[in-house]
Amino acid sequence: MPTAPLPVVRQAEPPAPPPAVPVPAPTPPPARRRRRFRAPRALREDAFWMGALTAMCIGGLLMAIIATTA
């Protein structure tokens, strides 16, 4: 049985690429003012006492360890 010839399929022309759009120049970021952070007085005092109590606790733990291992 003879086979029918296959149809010829032609590809369409690809569409033309869109025209190139110029890239706008990036705008520089706004200048930021540098301002030194100053903690309120209450926070500074709390930080001092927290540091002092932490040092005393560590010292007490070290003294207890040394006293029990000797």
N, C-alpha and C. Protein backbone atom coordinates (compact mmCIF):
# COMPACT_ATOMS: atom_id res chain seq x y z
N MET A 1 0.85 -1.16 0.00
CA MET A 1 0.00 0.00 0.00
C MET A 1 0.90 1.24 0.00
N PRO A 2 0.76 2.10 -0.99
CA PRO A 2 1.63 3.27 -1.05
C PRO A 2 1.25 4.30 0.02
N THR A 3 2.27 4.92 0.60
CA THR A 3 2.01 5.92 1.64
C THR A 3 1.90 7.30 1.01
N ALA A 4 1.08 8.12 1.60
CA ALA A 4 0.90 9.47 1.08
C ALA A 4 2.11 10.32 1.49
N PRO A 5 2.54 11.21 0.62
CA PRO A 5 3.68 12.06 1.02
C PRO A 5 3.29 12.97 2.20
N LEU A 6 4.27 13.15 3.06
CA LEU A 6 4.03 14.00 4.23
C LEU A 6 3.92 15.46 3.81
N PRO A 7 3.02 16.22 4.45
CA PRO A 7 2.91 17.63 4.08
C PRO A 7 4.16 18.41 4.52
N VAL A 8 4.53 19.38 3.75
CA VAL A 8 5.68 20.22 4.05
C VAL A 8 5.21 21.37 4.93
N VAL A 9 5.82 21.48 6.10
CA VAL A 9 5.44 22.55 7.03
C VAL A 9 6.58 23.57 7.03
N ARG A 10 6.23 24.78 6.67
CA ARG A 10 7.25 25.83 6.68
C ARG A 10 7.08 26.68 7.95
N GLN A 11 8.21 27.02 8.55
CA GLN A 11 8.17 27.84 9.76
C GLN A 11 7.97 29.30 9.36
N ALA A 12 7.21 29.98 10.18
CA ALA A 12 6.97 31.40 9.92
C ALA A 12 8.21 32.19 10.32
N GLU A 13 8.37 33.33 9.71
CA GLU A 13 9.49 34.21 10.07
C GLU A 13 9.31 34.67 11.51
N PRO A 14 10.37 34.66 12.31
CA PRO A 14 10.22 35.16 13.68
C PRO A 14 9.93 36.65 13.66
N PRO A 15 9.16 37.14 14.64
CA PRO A 15 8.86 38.58 14.66
C PRO A 15 10.13 39.38 14.95
N ALA A 16 10.15 40.59 14.43
CA ALA A 16 11.30 41.45 14.65
C ALA A 16 11.40 41.81 16.13
N PRO A 17 12.61 41.88 16.69
CA PRO A 17 12.74 42.24 18.10
C PRO A 17 12.29 43.69 18.33
N PRO A 18 11.78 43.96 19.51
CA PRO A 18 11.36 45.34 19.77
C PRO A 18 12.57 46.27 19.80
N PRO A 19 12.36 47.54 19.52
CA PRO A 19 13.51 48.47 19.52
C PRO A 19 14.07 48.60 20.94
N ALA A 20 15.37 48.78 20.99
CA ALA A 20 16.04 48.89 22.29
C ALA A 20 15.62 50.18 23.00
N VAL A 21 15.30 50.04 24.27
CA VAL A 21 14.90 51.19 25.06
C VAL A 21 16.12 51.65 25.86
N PRO A 22 16.48 52.92 25.80
CA PRO A 22 17.65 53.37 26.56
C PRO A 22 17.39 53.23 28.06
N VAL A 23 18.41 52.75 28.77
CA VAL A 23 18.30 52.56 30.22
C VAL A 23 18.55 53.90 30.90
N PRO A 24 17.61 54.35 31.76
CA PRO A 24 17.86 55.63 32.44
C PRO A 24 19.00 55.51 33.44
N ALA A 25 19.72 56.60 33.60
CA ALA A 25 20.84 56.61 34.54
C ALA A 25 20.31 56.47 35.97
N PRO A 26 20.95 55.62 36.79
CA PRO A 26 20.46 55.45 38.16
C PRO A 26 20.65 56.73 38.97
N THR A 27 19.67 57.02 39.79
CA THR A 27 19.77 58.23 40.62
C THR A 27 20.57 57.90 41.87
N PRO A 28 21.43 58.78 42.29
CA PRO A 28 22.24 58.49 43.49
C PRO A 28 21.34 58.46 44.73
N PRO A 29 21.69 57.62 45.71
CA PRO A 29 20.86 57.57 46.91
C PRO A 29 20.96 58.89 47.68
N PRO A 30 19.92 59.26 48.40
CA PRO A 30 19.98 60.53 49.14
C PRO A 30 21.04 60.44 50.24
N ALA A 31 21.67 61.56 50.48
CA ALA A 31 22.72 61.60 51.51
C ALA A 31 22.08 61.44 52.89
N ARG A 32 22.63 60.51 53.67
CA ARG A 32 22.10 60.28 55.02
C ARG A 32 22.93 61.04 56.03
N ARG A 33 22.23 61.62 56.97
CA ARG A 33 22.94 62.34 58.04
C ARG A 33 23.36 61.33 59.10
N ARG A 34 24.60 61.41 59.49
CA ARG A 34 25.10 60.52 60.54
C ARG A 34 24.81 61.16 61.89
N ARG A 35 24.12 60.41 62.73
CA ARG A 35 23.80 60.92 64.05
C ARG A 35 24.18 59.85 65.06
N ARG A 36 25.02 60.21 66.00
CA ARG A 36 25.47 59.25 66.99
C ARG A 36 24.34 58.93 67.94
N PHE A 37 24.14 57.62 68.18
CA PHE A 37 23.06 57.22 69.08
C PHE A 37 23.50 57.43 70.51
N ARG A 38 22.65 58.13 71.27
CA ARG A 38 22.91 58.30 72.70
C ARG A 38 21.77 57.68 73.46
N ALA A 39 22.12 56.69 74.27
CA ALA A 39 21.09 56.02 75.05
C ALA A 39 20.61 56.95 76.16
N PRO A 40 19.35 56.86 76.51
CA PRO A 40 18.86 57.68 77.63
C PRO A 40 19.59 57.33 78.92
N ARG A 41 19.56 58.27 79.85
CA ARG A 41 20.31 58.10 81.10
C ARG A 41 19.87 56.87 81.87
N ALA A 42 18.57 56.60 81.88
CA ALA A 42 18.07 55.44 82.62
C ALA A 42 18.64 54.14 82.03
N LEU A 43 18.73 54.07 80.72
CA LEU A 43 19.28 52.86 80.11
C LEU A 43 20.76 52.72 80.41
N ARG A 44 21.49 53.84 80.43
CA ARG A 44 22.92 53.76 80.73
C ARG A 44 23.13 53.30 82.17
N GLU A 45 22.33 53.80 83.09
CA GLU A 45 22.48 53.38 84.48
C GLU A 45 22.10 51.91 84.63
N ASP A 46 21.04 51.47 83.95
CA ASP A 46 20.66 50.07 84.02
C ASP A 46 21.76 49.18 83.47
N ALA A 47 22.39 49.61 82.39
CA ALA A 47 23.46 48.82 81.81
C ALA A 47 24.63 48.71 82.78
N PHE A 48 24.93 49.79 83.49
CA PHE A 48 26.02 49.75 84.46
C PHE A 48 25.72 48.74 85.56
N TRP A 49 24.52 48.81 86.13
CA TRP A 49 24.19 47.90 87.23
C TRP A 49 24.07 46.47 86.76
N MET A 50 23.60 46.27 85.55
CA MET A 50 23.53 44.90 85.03
C MET A 50 24.94 44.34 84.87
N GLY A 51 25.85 45.14 84.38
CA GLY A 51 27.25 44.69 84.26
C GLY A 51 27.87 44.42 85.61
N ALA A 52 27.58 45.29 86.58
CA ALA A 52 28.14 45.09 87.92
C ALA A 52 27.60 43.80 88.54
N LEU A 53 26.30 43.57 88.45
CA LEU A 53 25.71 42.36 89.02
C LEU A 53 26.21 41.11 88.30
N THR A 54 26.39 41.18 86.98
CA THR A 54 26.92 40.04 86.24
C THR A 54 28.33 39.70 86.71
N ALA A 55 29.16 40.72 86.88
CA ALA A 55 30.53 40.49 87.35
C ALA A 55 30.53 39.88 88.75
N MET A 56 29.64 40.36 89.62
CA MET A 56 29.57 39.80 90.98
C MET A 56 29.11 38.35 90.95
N CYS A 57 28.15 38.02 90.10
CA CYS A 57 27.67 36.64 90.00
C CYS A 57 28.78 35.71 89.50
N ILE A 58 29.49 36.16 88.45
CA ILE A 58 30.57 35.33 87.93
C ILE A 58 31.65 35.16 88.99
N GLY A 59 31.97 36.24 89.69
CA GLY A 59 32.97 36.14 90.77
C GLY A 59 32.52 35.18 91.86
N GLY A 60 31.25 35.25 92.24
CA GLY A 60 30.75 34.36 93.27
C GLY A 60 30.78 32.89 92.81
N LEU A 61 30.42 32.65 91.56
CA LEU A 61 30.49 31.28 91.04
C LEU A 61 31.93 30.76 91.04
N LEU A 62 32.86 31.59 90.62
CA LEU A 62 34.26 31.17 90.62
C LEU A 62 34.75 30.88 92.04
N MET A 63 34.36 31.73 92.98
CA MET A 63 34.77 31.50 94.38
C MET A 63 34.18 30.19 94.90
N ALA A 64 32.92 29.89 94.55
CA ALA A 64 32.30 28.64 94.99
C ALA A 64 32.99 27.45 94.37
N ILE A 65 33.36 27.55 93.09
CA ILE A 65 34.05 26.43 92.44
C ILE A 65 35.43 26.20 93.07
N ILE A 66 36.15 27.28 93.30
CA ILE A 66 37.49 27.16 93.88
C ILE A 66 37.39 26.62 95.30
N ALA A 67 36.41 27.07 96.06
CA ALA A 67 36.28 26.64 97.46
C ALA A 67 35.91 25.16 97.56
N THR A 68 35.14 24.66 96.61
CA THR A 68 34.70 23.26 96.70
C THR A 68 35.69 22.30 96.08
N THR A 69 36.61 22.76 95.26
CA THR A 69 37.57 21.85 94.63
C THR A 69 38.87 21.78 95.42
N ALA A 70 39.12 22.67 96.34
CA ALA A 70 40.38 22.68 97.08
C ALA A 70 40.38 21.64 98.18
